[in-house]
Every structure is written in C-alpha cells, then in structure tokens.
C-alpha atoms as a PDB file:
ATOM      1  CA  UNK A   1      49.373  94.432  60.920  1.00  0.00           C
ATOM      2  CA  UNK A   2      49.100  91.325  58.945  1.00  0.00           C
ATOM      3  CA  UNK A   3      47.218  89.183  61.586  1.00  0.00           C
ATOM      4  CA  UNK A   4      44.614  92.147  62.039  1.00  0.00           C
ATOM      5  CA  UNK A   5      44.182  92.409  58.163  1.00  0.00           C
ATOM      6  CA  UNK A   6      43.647  88.701  57.918  1.00  0.00           C
ATOM      7  CA  UNK A   7      41.036  88.822  60.699  1.00  0.00           C
ATOM      8  CA  UNK A   8      39.249  91.612  59.068  1.00  0.00           C
ATOM      9  CA  UNK A   9      39.148  89.642  55.908  1.00  0.00           C
ATOM     10  CA  UNK A  10      37.778  86.719  57.576  1.00  0.00           C
ATOM     11  CA  UNK A  11      35.071  88.801  59.248  1.00  0.00           C
ATOM     12  CA  UNK A  12      34.115  90.403  55.930  1.00  0.00           C
ATOM     13  CA  UNK A  13      33.824  86.907  54.187  1.00  0.00           C
ATOM     14  CA  UNK A  14      31.484  85.576  57.096  1.00  0.00           C
ATOM     15  CA  UNK A  15      29.377  88.507  56.832  1.00  0.00           C
ATOM     16  CA  UNK A  16      28.965  88.394  53.055  1.00  0.00           C
ATOM     17  CA  UNK A  17      28.009  84.768  52.992  1.00  0.00           C
ATOM     18  CA  UNK A  18      24.632  85.094  54.732  1.00  0.00           C
ATOM     19  CA  UNK A  19      23.803  88.360  52.660  1.00  0.00           C
ATOM     20  CA  UNK A  20      24.534  86.305  49.448  1.00  0.00           C
ATOM     21  CA  UNK A  21      22.310  83.576  50.509  1.00  0.00           C
ATOM     22  CA  UNK A  22      19.441  86.097  51.413  1.00  0.00           C
ATOM     23  CA  UNK A  23      19.725  87.693  48.017  1.00  0.00           C
ATOM     24  CA  UNK A  24      19.714  84.360  46.291  1.00  0.00           C
ATOM     25  CA  UNK A  25      16.638  83.318  47.993  1.00  0.00           C
ATOM     26  CA  UNK A  26      14.938  86.435  47.287  1.00  0.00           C
ATOM     27  CA  UNK A  27      15.693  86.229  43.517  1.00  0.00           C
ATOM     28  CA  UNK A  28      14.519  82.480  43.573  1.00  0.00           C
ATOM     29  CA  UNK A  29      11.210  83.513  44.952  1.00  0.00           C
ATOM     30  CA  UNK A  30      10.511  86.325  42.469  1.00  0.00           C
ATOM     31  CA  UNK A  31      11.445  84.023  39.635  1.00  0.00           C
ATOM     32  CA  UNK A  32       9.133  81.141  40.958  1.00  0.00           C
ATOM     33  CA  UNK A  33       6.260  83.823  41.332  1.00  0.00           C
ATOM     34  CA  UNK A  34       6.655  85.037  37.785  1.00  0.00           C
ATOM     35  CA  UNK A  35       6.582  81.600  36.390  1.00  0.00           C
ATOM     36  CA  UNK A  36       3.440  80.858  38.458  1.00  0.00           C
ATOM     37  CA  UNK A  37       1.694  84.063  37.298  1.00  0.00           C
ATOM     38  CA  UNK A  38       2.400  83.320  33.707  1.00  0.00           C
ATOM     39  CA  UNK A  39       1.024  79.771  34.074  1.00  0.00           C
ATOM     40  CA  UNK A  40      -2.160  80.894  35.688  1.00  0.00           C
ATOM     41  CA  UNK A  41      -2.771  83.845  33.115  1.00  0.00           C
ATOM     42  CA  UNK A  42      -2.157  81.725  30.189  1.00  0.00           C
ATOM     43  CA  UNK A  43      -5.127  80.940  27.984  1.00  0.00           C
ATOM     44  CA  UNK A  44      -3.388  79.996  24.878  1.00  0.00           C
ATOM     45  CA  UNK A  45      -3.588  76.458  23.190  1.00  0.00           C
ATOM     46  CA  UNK A  46      -0.076  75.112  22.390  1.00  0.00           C
ATOM     47  CA  UNK A  47      -0.945  72.970  19.594  1.00  0.00           C
ATOM     48  CA  UNK A  48       2.568  71.894  18.515  1.00  0.00           C
ATOM     49  CA  UNK A  49       3.381  70.450  21.917  1.00  0.00           C
ATOM     50  CA  UNK A  50      -0.294  69.351  22.520  1.00  0.00           C
ATOM     51  CA  UNK A  51       0.035  70.778  26.080  1.00  0.00           C
ATOM     52  CA  UNK A  52      -3.063  72.790  26.660  1.00  0.00           C
ATOM     53  CA  UNK A  53      -3.117  75.414  29.219  1.00  0.00           C
ATOM     54  CA  UNK A  54      -5.777  77.228  30.866  1.00  0.00           C
ATOM     55  CA  UNK A  55      -6.447  79.347  34.066  1.00  0.00           C
ATOM     56  CA  UNK A  56      -8.059  76.614  36.018  1.00  0.00           C
ATOM     57  CA  UNK A  57      -5.500  76.914  38.758  1.00  0.00           C
ATOM     58  CA  UNK A  58      -7.270  79.851  40.223  1.00  0.00           C
ATOM     59  CA  UNK A  59      -7.134  83.555  39.993  1.00  0.00           C
ATOM     60  CA  UNK A  60      -3.727  85.453  40.693  1.00  0.00           C
ATOM     61  CA  UNK A  61      -3.046  86.171  44.299  1.00  0.00           C
ATOM     62  CA  UNK A  62      -5.567  83.902  45.503  1.00  0.00           C
ATOM     63  CA  UNK A  63      -4.618  82.031  48.636  1.00  0.00           C
ATOM     64  CA  UNK A  64      -5.059  78.476  48.772  1.00  0.00           C
ATOM     65  CA  UNK A  65      -4.921  75.649  51.559  1.00  0.00           C
ATOM     66  CA  UNK A  66      -3.091  72.554  51.122  1.00  0.00           C
ATOM     67  CA  UNK A  67      -6.184  70.668  50.409  1.00  0.00           C
ATOM     68  CA  UNK A  68      -7.599  73.299  47.991  1.00  0.00           C
ATOM     69  CA  UNK A  69      -4.271  73.479  46.065  1.00  0.00           C
ATOM     70  CA  UNK A  70      -4.194  69.556  45.674  1.00  0.00           C
ATOM     71  CA  UNK A  71      -7.700  69.674  44.263  1.00  0.00           C
ATOM     72  CA  UNK A  72      -7.240  72.528  41.847  1.00  0.00           C
ATOM     73  CA  UNK A  73      -4.030  71.019  40.620  1.00  0.00           C
ATOM     74  CA  UNK A  74      -5.820  67.693  40.064  1.00  0.00           C
ATOM     75  CA  UNK A  75      -8.568  69.488  38.251  1.00  0.00           C
ATOM     76  CA  UNK A  76      -6.046  71.203  36.140  1.00  0.00           C
ATOM     77  CA  UNK A  77      -4.271  68.008  35.199  1.00  0.00           C
ATOM     78  CA  UNK A  78      -7.551  66.369  34.385  1.00  0.00           C
ATOM     79  CA  UNK A  79      -8.612  69.197  32.012  1.00  0.00           C
ATOM     80  CA  UNK A  80      -5.211  68.980  30.314  1.00  0.00           C
ATOM     81  CA  UNK A  81      -5.610  65.249  29.763  1.00  0.00           C
ATOM     82  CA  UNK A  82      -8.971  65.774  28.190  1.00  0.00           C
ATOM     83  CA  UNK A  83      -7.739  68.474  25.911  1.00  0.00           C
ATOM     84  CA  UNK A  84      -4.750  66.190  24.903  1.00  0.00           C
ATOM     85  CA  UNK A  85      -7.055  63.325  24.127  1.00  0.00           C
ATOM     86  CA  UNK A  86      -9.401  65.425  22.038  1.00  0.00           C
ATOM     87  CA  UNK A  87      -6.218  66.905  20.191  1.00  0.00           C
ATOM     88  CA  UNK A  88      -5.024  63.257  19.536  1.00  0.00           C
ATOM     89  CA  UNK A  89      -8.429  62.100  17.981  1.00  0.00           C
ATOM     90  CA  UNK A  90      -8.746  65.570  15.850  1.00  0.00           C
ATOM     91  CA  UNK A  91      -5.439  64.782  14.440  1.00  0.00           C
ATOM     92  CA  UNK A  92      -6.531  61.320  13.302  1.00  0.00           C
ATOM     93  CA  UNK A  93      -9.482  62.975  11.463  1.00  0.00           C
ATOM     94  CA  UNK A  94      -7.046  65.816  10.203  1.00  0.00           C
ATOM     95  CA  UNK A  95      -9.009  68.456  11.966  1.00  0.00           C
ATOM     96  CA  UNK A  96      -7.757  71.734  13.526  1.00  0.00           C
ATOM     97  CA  UNK A  97      -6.875  70.540  16.970  1.00  0.00           C
ATOM     98  CA  UNK A  98      -7.021  73.900  18.638  1.00  0.00           C
ATOM     99  CA  UNK A  99     -10.485  74.629  17.202  1.00  0.00           C
ATOM    100  CA  UNK A 100     -11.855  71.353  18.164  1.00  0.00           C
ATOM    101  CA  UNK A 101     -10.655  71.780  21.707  1.00  0.00           C
ATOM    102  CA  UNK A 102     -12.258  75.139  21.797  1.00  0.00           C
ATOM    103  CA  UNK A 103     -15.549  73.877  20.655  1.00  0.00           C
ATOM    104  CA  UNK A 104     -15.375  70.977  23.147  1.00  0.00           C
ATOM    105  CA  UNK A 105     -14.649  73.631  25.972  1.00  0.00           C
ATOM    106  CA  UNK A 106     -17.571  75.702  24.826  1.00  0.00           C
ATOM    107  CA  UNK A 107     -20.055  72.746  24.835  1.00  0.00           C
ATOM    108  CA  UNK A 108     -19.019  71.542  28.366  1.00  0.00           C
ATOM    109  CA  UNK A 109     -18.411  74.786  29.995  1.00  0.00           C
ATOM    110  CA  UNK A 110     -14.832  74.144  30.137  1.00  0.00           C
ATOM    111  CA  UNK A 111     -15.624  70.663  31.322  1.00  0.00           C
ATOM    112  CA  UNK A 112     -17.507  71.815  34.178  1.00  0.00           C
ATOM    113  CA  UNK A 113     -21.093  71.220  32.803  1.00  0.00           C
ATOM    114  CA  UNK A 114     -23.217  69.547  35.541  1.00  0.00           C
ATOM    115  CA  UNK A 115     -23.720  66.210  33.777  1.00  0.00           C
ATOM    116  CA  UNK A 116     -20.391  65.957  31.944  1.00  0.00           C
ATOM    117  CA  UNK A 117     -18.612  63.978  34.744  1.00  0.00           C
ATOM    118  CA  UNK A 118     -21.237  61.467  34.808  1.00  0.00           C
ATOM    119  CA  UNK A 119     -22.378  61.086  31.084  1.00  0.00           C
ATOM    120  CA  UNK A 120     -19.124  61.921  29.494  1.00  0.00           C
ATOM    121  CA  UNK A 121     -21.026  63.319  26.635  1.00  0.00           C
ATOM    122  CA  UNK A 122     -19.176  66.491  25.190  1.00  0.00           C
ATOM    123  CA  UNK A 123     -22.588  67.762  23.726  1.00  0.00           C
ATOM    124  CA  UNK A 124     -25.485  67.515  26.207  1.00  0.00           C
ATOM    125  CA  UNK A 125     -27.894  65.131  24.850  1.00  0.00           C
ATOM    126  CA  UNK A 126     -25.527  62.998  22.795  1.00  0.00           C
ATOM    127  CA  UNK A 127     -25.840  60.028  25.123  1.00  0.00           C
ATOM    128  CA  UNK A 128     -23.909  58.491  27.864  1.00  0.00           C
ATOM    129  CA  UNK A 129     -20.613  56.853  27.470  1.00  0.00           C
ATOM    130  CA  UNK A 130     -18.187  54.651  29.650  1.00  0.00           C
ATOM    131  CA  UNK A 131     -15.393  57.000  29.938  1.00  0.00           C
ATOM    132  CA  UNK A 132     -14.109  60.536  28.800  1.00  0.00           C
ATOM    133  CA  UNK A 133     -12.250  58.925  25.950  1.00  0.00           C
ATOM    134  CA  UNK A 134     -15.446  56.970  24.487  1.00  0.00           C
ATOM    135  CA  UNK A 135     -17.449  60.539  24.712  1.00  0.00           C
ATOM    136  CA  UNK A 136     -14.469  62.164  22.890  1.00  0.00           C
ATOM    137  CA  UNK A 137     -14.112  59.682  20.143  1.00  0.00           C
ATOM    138  CA  UNK A 138     -17.940  59.939  19.528  1.00  0.00           C
ATOM    139  CA  UNK A 139     -17.821  63.836  19.627  1.00  0.00           C
ATOM    140  CA  UNK A 140     -14.841  64.064  17.146  1.00  0.00           C
ATOM    141  CA  UNK A 141     -16.309  61.538  14.771  1.00  0.00           C
ATOM    142  CA  UNK A 142     -19.757  63.269  14.482  1.00  0.00           C
ATOM    143  CA  UNK A 143     -18.161  66.797  14.418  1.00  0.00           C
ATOM    144  CA  UNK A 144     -16.136  65.536  11.336  1.00  0.00           C
ATOM    145  CA  UNK A 145     -19.342  64.179   9.893  1.00  0.00           C
ATOM    146  CA  UNK A 146     -21.726  66.832  10.698  1.00  0.00           C
ATOM    147  CA  UNK A 147     -20.051  70.012  12.083  1.00  0.00           C
ATOM    148  CA  UNK A 148     -23.117  72.131  11.723  1.00  0.00           C
ATOM    149  CA  UNK A 149     -24.799  70.035  14.496  1.00  0.00           C
ATOM    150  CA  UNK A 150     -21.959  71.290  16.959  1.00  0.00           C
ATOM    151  CA  UNK A 151     -22.425  74.878  15.683  1.00  0.00           C
ATOM    152  CA  UNK A 152     -19.440  74.790  13.408  1.00  0.00           C
ATOM    153  CA  UNK A 153     -18.478  74.200   9.638  1.00  0.00           C
ATOM    154  CA  UNK A 154     -16.093  71.959   7.721  1.00  0.00           C
ATOM    155  CA  UNK A 155     -13.859  75.122   6.902  1.00  0.00           C
ATOM    156  CA  UNK A 156     -13.739  76.114  10.505  1.00  0.00           C
ATOM    157  CA  UNK A 157     -12.692  72.888  11.822  1.00  0.00           C
ATOM    158  CA  UNK A 158     -10.101  72.559   9.213  1.00  0.00           C
ATOM    159  CA  UNK A 159     -11.352  69.552   7.177  1.00  0.00           C
ATOM    160  CA  UNK A 160      -9.359  69.619   3.881  1.00  0.00           C
ATOM    161  CA  UNK A 161     -10.363  66.062   2.749  1.00  0.00           C
ATOM    162  CA  UNK A 162      -6.793  64.875   2.955  1.00  0.00           C
ATOM    163  CA  UNK A 163      -6.304  61.077   3.236  1.00  0.00           C
ATOM    164  CA  UNK A 164      -3.102  59.536   4.610  1.00  0.00           C
ATOM    165  CA  UNK A 165      -2.392  55.820   4.721  1.00  0.00           C
ATOM    166  CA  UNK A 166      -0.417  53.676   7.160  1.00  0.00           C
ATOM    167  CA  UNK A 167       2.166  51.477   5.752  1.00  0.00           C
ATOM    168  CA  UNK A 168       4.561  51.033   8.721  1.00  0.00           C
ATOM    169  CA  UNK A 169       4.761  47.079   9.031  1.00  0.00           C
ATOM    170  CA  UNK A 170       6.574  45.385  11.881  1.00  0.00           C
ATOM    171  CA  UNK A 171       6.513  41.630  12.252  1.00  0.00           C
ATOM    172  CA  UNK A 172       3.569  41.392   9.610  1.00  0.00           C
ATOM    173  CA  UNK A 173       1.453  43.831  11.638  1.00  0.00           C
ATOM    174  CA  UNK A 174       0.624  47.548  10.656  1.00  0.00           C
ATOM    175  CA  UNK A 175       2.062  49.686  13.546  1.00  0.00           C
ATOM    176  CA  UNK A 176       0.206  52.918  14.155  1.00  0.00           C
ATOM    177  CA  UNK A 177       1.829  56.259  15.366  1.00  0.00           C
ATOM    178  CA  UNK A 178       0.269  55.580  18.775  1.00  0.00           C
ATOM    179  CA  UNK A 179       2.365  52.468  19.222  1.00  0.00           C
ATOM    180  CA  UNK A 180      -0.563  50.048  18.806  1.00  0.00           C
ATOM    181  CA  UNK A 181      -0.875  47.596  16.027  1.00  0.00           C
ATOM    182  CA  UNK A 182      -3.918  47.913  13.748  1.00  0.00           C
ATOM    183  CA  UNK A 183      -5.501  45.066  15.413  1.00  0.00           C
ATOM    184  CA  UNK A 184      -4.943  46.370  18.854  1.00  0.00           C
ATOM    185  CA  UNK A 185      -6.461  49.920  17.981  1.00  0.00           C
ATOM    186  CA  UNK A 186      -9.483  48.218  16.381  1.00  0.00           C
ATOM    187  CA  UNK A 187      -9.919  46.113  19.377  1.00  0.00           C
ATOM    188  CA  UNK A 188      -9.826  48.948  21.750  1.00  0.00           C
ATOM    189  CA  UNK A 189     -12.335  51.022  19.771  1.00  0.00           C
ATOM    190  CA  UNK A 190     -14.703  47.953  19.521  1.00  0.00           C
ATOM    191  CA  UNK A 191     -14.452  47.346  23.189  1.00  0.00           C
ATOM    192  CA  UNK A 192     -15.154  51.148  24.097  1.00  0.00           C
ATOM    193  CA  UNK A 193     -18.539  50.676  22.417  1.00  0.00           C
ATOM    194  CA  UNK A 194     -19.427  47.142  23.356  1.00  0.00           C
ATOM    195  CA  UNK A 195     -18.883  45.442  20.043  1.00  0.00           C
ATOM    196  CA  UNK A 196     -17.156  42.063  19.745  1.00  0.00           C
ATOM    197  CA  UNK A 197     -13.696  42.919  18.643  1.00  0.00           C
ATOM    198  CA  UNK A 198     -13.196  39.490  17.286  1.00  0.00           C
ATOM    199  CA  UNK A 199     -16.130  39.615  14.975  1.00  0.00           C
ATOM    200  CA  UNK A 200     -15.125  43.197  13.932  1.00  0.00           C
ATOM    201  CA  UNK A 201     -11.625  42.242  13.148  1.00  0.00           C
ATOM    202  CA  UNK A 202     -12.871  39.077  11.220  1.00  0.00           C
ATOM    203  CA  UNK A 203     -15.192  41.174   8.957  1.00  0.00           C
ATOM    204  CA  UNK A 204     -12.226  43.324   8.342  1.00  0.00           C
ATOM    205  CA  UNK A 205     -10.161  40.367   7.159  1.00  0.00           C
ATOM    206  CA  UNK A 206     -12.952  39.020   4.986  1.00  0.00           C
ATOM    207  CA  UNK A 207     -13.815  42.459   3.452  1.00  0.00           C
ATOM    208  CA  UNK A 208     -10.220  43.703   2.973  1.00  0.00           C
ATOM    209  CA  UNK A 209      -8.498  40.398   2.029  1.00  0.00           C
ATOM    210  CA  UNK A 210      -6.665  40.710   5.335  1.00  0.00           C
ATOM    211  CA  UNK A 211      -5.739  44.191   4.776  1.00  0.00           C
ATOM    212  CA  UNK A 212      -4.473  44.149   1.264  1.00  0.00           C
ATOM    213  CA  UNK A 213      -7.444  45.374  -0.827  1.00  0.00           C
ATOM    214  CA  UNK A 214      -7.071  48.741  -2.576  1.00  0.00           C
ATOM    215  CA  UNK A 215     -10.077  50.177  -0.370  1.00  0.00           C
ATOM    216  CA  UNK A 216      -8.018  49.313   2.774  1.00  0.00           C
ATOM    217  CA  UNK A 217      -4.576  50.490   1.518  1.00  0.00           C
ATOM    218  CA  UNK A 218      -5.687  53.674  -0.363  1.00  0.00           C
ATOM    219  CA  UNK A 219      -8.843  54.804   1.222  1.00  0.00           C
ATOM    220  CA  UNK A 220      -8.563  53.569   4.873  1.00  0.00           C
ATOM    221  CA  UNK A 221     -11.941  51.656   4.228  1.00  0.00           C
ATOM    222  CA  UNK A 222     -11.667  48.302   5.977  1.00  0.00           C
ATOM    223  CA  UNK A 223     -15.307  47.342   6.190  1.00  0.00           C
ATOM    224  CA  UNK A 224     -16.419  47.812   2.526  1.00  0.00           C
ATOM    225  CA  UNK A 225     -18.450  50.831   3.610  1.00  0.00           C
ATOM    226  CA  UNK A 226     -20.291  52.761   0.881  1.00  0.00           C
ATOM    227  CA  UNK A 227     -22.221  56.081   0.770  1.00  0.00           C
ATOM    228  CA  UNK A 228     -24.572  57.741  -1.806  1.00  0.00           C
ATOM    229  CA  UNK A 229     -21.780  58.662  -3.996  1.00  0.00           C
ATOM    230  CA  UNK A 230     -19.884  55.185  -3.877  1.00  0.00           C
ATOM    231  CA  UNK A 231     -16.971  53.834  -1.812  1.00  0.00           C
ATOM    232  CA  UNK A 232     -16.061  55.891   1.235  1.00  0.00           C
ATOM    233  CA  UNK A 233     -12.629  57.430   2.164  1.00  0.00           C
ATOM    234  CA  UNK A 234     -11.298  58.195   5.477  1.00  0.00           C
ATOM    235  CA  UNK A 235      -8.539  60.723   6.537  1.00  0.00           C
ATOM    236  CA  UNK A 236      -6.497  57.988   8.358  1.00  0.00           C
ATOM    237  CA  UNK A 237      -6.471  54.331   9.365  1.00  0.00           C
ATOM    238  CA  UNK A 238      -7.424  55.413  12.793  1.00  0.00           C
ATOM    239  CA  UNK A 239     -10.419  57.451  11.504  1.00  0.00           C
ATOM    240  CA  UNK A 240     -11.371  54.745   9.295  1.00  0.00           C
ATOM    241  CA  UNK A 241     -11.335  52.186  12.089  1.00  0.00           C
ATOM    242  CA  UNK A 242     -13.580  54.443  14.261  1.00  0.00           C
ATOM    243  CA  UNK A 243     -16.195  55.005  11.628  1.00  0.00           C
ATOM    244  CA  UNK A 244     -16.177  51.185  10.761  1.00  0.00           C
ATOM    245  CA  UNK A 245     -16.782  50.342  14.248  1.00  0.00           C
ATOM    246  CA  UNK A 246     -19.630  53.006  14.630  1.00  0.00           C
ATOM    247  CA  UNK A 247     -21.192  51.641  11.442  1.00  0.00           C
ATOM    248  CA  UNK A 248     -20.976  48.059  12.622  1.00  0.00           C
ATOM    249  CA  UNK A 249     -22.477  49.019  16.012  1.00  0.00           C
ATOM    250  CA  UNK A 250     -25.270  50.718  14.470  1.00  0.00           C
ATOM    251  CA  UNK A 251     -26.018  47.961  11.956  1.00  0.00           C
ATOM    252  CA  UNK A 252     -26.148  45.452  14.814  1.00  0.00           C
ATOM    253  CA  UNK A 253     -28.453  47.629  16.944  1.00  0.00           C
ATOM    254  CA  UNK A 254     -30.887  48.292  14.151  1.00  0.00           C
ATOM    255  CA  UNK A 255     -31.162  44.790  13.358  1.00  0.00           C
ATOM    256  CA  UNK A 256     -31.466  43.530  16.898  1.00  0.00           C
ATOM    257  CA  UNK A 257     -28.347  41.469  16.888  1.00  0.00           C
ATOM    258  CA  UNK A 258     -25.739  40.574  19.639  1.00  0.00           C
ATOM    259  CA  UNK A 259     -22.221  40.737  18.432  1.00  0.00           C
ATOM    260  CA  UNK A 260     -21.330  37.996  20.905  1.00  0.00           C
ATOM    261  CA  UNK A 261     -23.771  35.492  19.415  1.00  0.00           C
ATOM    262  CA  UNK A 262     -22.490  33.228  16.362  1.00  0.00           C
ATOM    263  CA  UNK A 263     -26.026  33.478  14.852  1.00  0.00           C
ATOM    264  CA  UNK A 264     -25.358  37.185  14.302  1.00  0.00           C
ATOM    265  CA  UNK A 265     -22.862  36.321  11.835  1.00  0.00           C
ATOM    266  CA  UNK A 266     -25.511  34.717   9.608  1.00  0.00           C
ATOM    267  CA  UNK A 267     -27.628  37.718   9.904  1.00  0.00           C
ATOM    268  CA  UNK A 268     -24.833  39.985   9.058  1.00  0.00           C
ATOM    269  CA  UNK A 269     -23.696  37.833   5.981  1.00  0.00           C
ATOM    270  CA  UNK A 270     -27.213  38.632   4.437  1.00  0.00           C
ATOM    271  CA  UNK A 271     -26.943  42.256   4.995  1.00  0.00           C
ATOM    272  CA  UNK A 272     -23.328  42.534   3.738  1.00  0.00           C
ATOM    273  CA  UNK A 273     -23.863  40.293   0.694  1.00  0.00           C
ATOM    274  CA  UNK A 274     -27.656  40.588  -0.075  1.00  0.00           C
ATOM    275  CA  UNK A 275     -28.814  43.588   1.595  1.00  0.00           C
ATOM    276  CA  UNK A 276     -31.136  41.470   3.787  1.00  0.00           C
ATOM    277  CA  UNK A 277     -30.710  39.732   7.055  1.00  0.00           C
ATOM    278  CA  UNK A 278     -33.267  37.101   6.092  1.00  0.00           C
ATOM    279  CA  UNK A 279     -31.154  36.072   2.978  1.00  0.00           C
ATOM    280  CA  UNK A 280     -27.677  35.018   4.525  1.00  0.00           C
ATOM    281  CA  UNK A 281     -24.658  33.893   2.690  1.00  0.00           C
ATOM    282  CA  UNK A 282     -23.129  30.641   3.785  1.00  0.00           C
ATOM    283  CA  UNK A 283     -19.778  31.422   1.835  1.00  0.00           C
ATOM    284  CA  UNK A 284     -19.534  34.947   3.664  1.00  0.00           C
ATOM    285  CA  UNK A 285     -20.379  33.805   7.144  1.00  0.00           C
ATOM    286  CA  UNK A 286     -18.271  30.661   6.783  1.00  0.00           C
ATOM    287  CA  UNK A 287     -15.126  32.821   5.976  1.00  0.00           C
ATOM    288  CA  UNK A 288     -15.916  35.206   8.837  1.00  0.00           C
ATOM    289  CA  UNK A 289     -16.346  32.525  11.391  1.00  0.00           C
ATOM    290  CA  UNK A 290     -13.143  30.759  10.217  1.00  0.00           C
ATOM    291  CA  UNK A 291     -11.372  34.036  10.655  1.00  0.00           C
ATOM    292  CA  UNK A 292     -12.750  34.506  14.244  1.00  0.00           C
ATOM    293  CA  UNK A 293     -11.297  31.049  15.166  1.00  0.00           C
ATOM    294  CA  UNK A 294      -7.759  32.082  13.626  1.00  0.00           C
ATOM    295  CA  UNK A 295      -7.837  35.530  15.595  1.00  0.00           C
ATOM    296  CA  UNK A 296      -8.593  33.830  18.798  1.00  0.00           C
ATOM    297  CA  UNK A 297      -5.994  31.153  18.337  1.00  0.00           C
ATOM    298  CA  UNK A 298      -3.288  33.720  17.248  1.00  0.00           C
ATOM    299  CA  UNK A 299      -4.093  36.211  20.065  1.00  0.00           C
ATOM    300  CA  UNK A 300      -3.645  39.064  17.723  1.00  0.00           C
ATOM    301  CA  UNK A 301      -4.973  41.598  20.220  1.00  0.00           C
ATOM    302  CA  UNK A 302      -2.163  40.939  22.739  1.00  0.00           C
END
C-alpha cells in the first residue's frame, strides 16, 4: 500500500510541474503586455526624472515586423533624447521644462516636420544648425529672450527672474552640475557656433578679472554685457555663457571679423573699450592676446 501511495504522489508531482510552468508563462505574458500597453498609451511628461514619454512606438495592437519594430524603437529613443536635451537647457534658464518641451514638439510636429532632421531648427525659418543640440540651444535661448515669437509668454514658460550662481570649485576650476568645468562648457558652446573658444575665454578672463568680478559671481555676466537698463543678469552660469557666446558671435558677424584671426582682437578692443572698431585699445588687446597664449599653454579645455 505504501508503494502505491508513493507512486501516485510522484505521478501527481510530475503532472503538476508542467501545469505550474504554463500558468507562470501565461501570467508573465499578461504582465509584459500590460506594461507595453501602458508605455504606448502614455502621453505625460515626467519632469522630475526628465524621461519624456510619448506614443511614438505605435498604436496599440499594431503588428510590427522585426525591422519595423527596431526602426520604431530607434525613433522613440531619438525623440526621448531630444526631449531630455531641451529639458536640460530649459533648466539652465530656469524655465518650465515640460512647457518648453511642449512648445518644441508643437513647432516641430513632434520632431517630424519635413525639414527638421536637416536644418535642426526647432522653429521653421530660424536658420540651419550643425546638430540637434545646436538648434535646441538657439531655441531655448531665444524663447527665454522673446517668448512671444514662439507663441508663448514669460509667465507661460515659467520665467520668474531667478538668478543662481555657481561656486563649486575643484582644483581652482568652477565645476558645473553637468560635470564640465566652466572653461570646458564655454568651449563646447563656442565650438557649436563657430566661435574661436580661446578668444572667447580670453575675453572672459579680461572682462571678469579671471572670473572674480562681482558681475561674474553675482550676475553670471562674464563678458561685460549691458542692456538698455544697465548690466545684464542671467539665470545661471550656463545661461550666461550661452548668451555671451551668442553676443560675441553676433558682434563678430556684424563687424565682418574672423574670430580665428589675431587682427580681430584689435578691432574687438575698439568695440569693447571705445564703442568703435576703428579706435582700438592697445592695452585691452594686449591683455586678451596674453590670456590667449596662457589658455593655449595650460590646455584649460581638456
């Protein structure tokens, strides 16, 4: 009797194992499907985690071939990358990240506007840029300065006029939250728009007393920039750097100067010191040229 009972028990165990496996597989498939459905149907912007989701993976219950699925996933990842880049720069200008992303999506037809992947211009007609990031920096900076030209307002994009300063120094260099030193970030932005980064930094060193002036420390104004109401203030060091590089680029272009030519330093000295490129300052240009040599020798951008 004991042997028969033991045999029945073993048979019961053998039968129950496959059934348990089948049940587990079915439950797993249901969970995966539910997660997939939730991902595809999500249209909310998660600002805290800066992971922006949309429905670009396709409609629910749509069948994809392997190639179509890979292409759809690549497009989804690319849109997420663009969203996160916009959110990063919006944060530097202390703007509402979700709102700025929303405006960018509207202007680019969710990044599918016909010319967007060739011009990288968030707003059609803003120009042509070398990369998505270059177009995004331009867009966020001009949205901050003139939101009405993008169909918005300062209140809508969350501009509260807040100014924060960076004082995290490591080995004598200001270290930004993105991990770059101040010099490295300025170099990156300058290269993005075709401005000689060594000249751009040398002018900062001269105008800010090597980043010790009150304007630099308290207003994120590193280039001695002024507006109609006086010295300008910028939301963050990153924002001030972007605005300074744009101002320098515009100044060079309006004056027909090449930032890679030493002669341009003399013309700029007249503009900076005397407001006239035809009246250069030997003192200012001499200091800037000296800073340029020091920057090159010390390899501060590495």
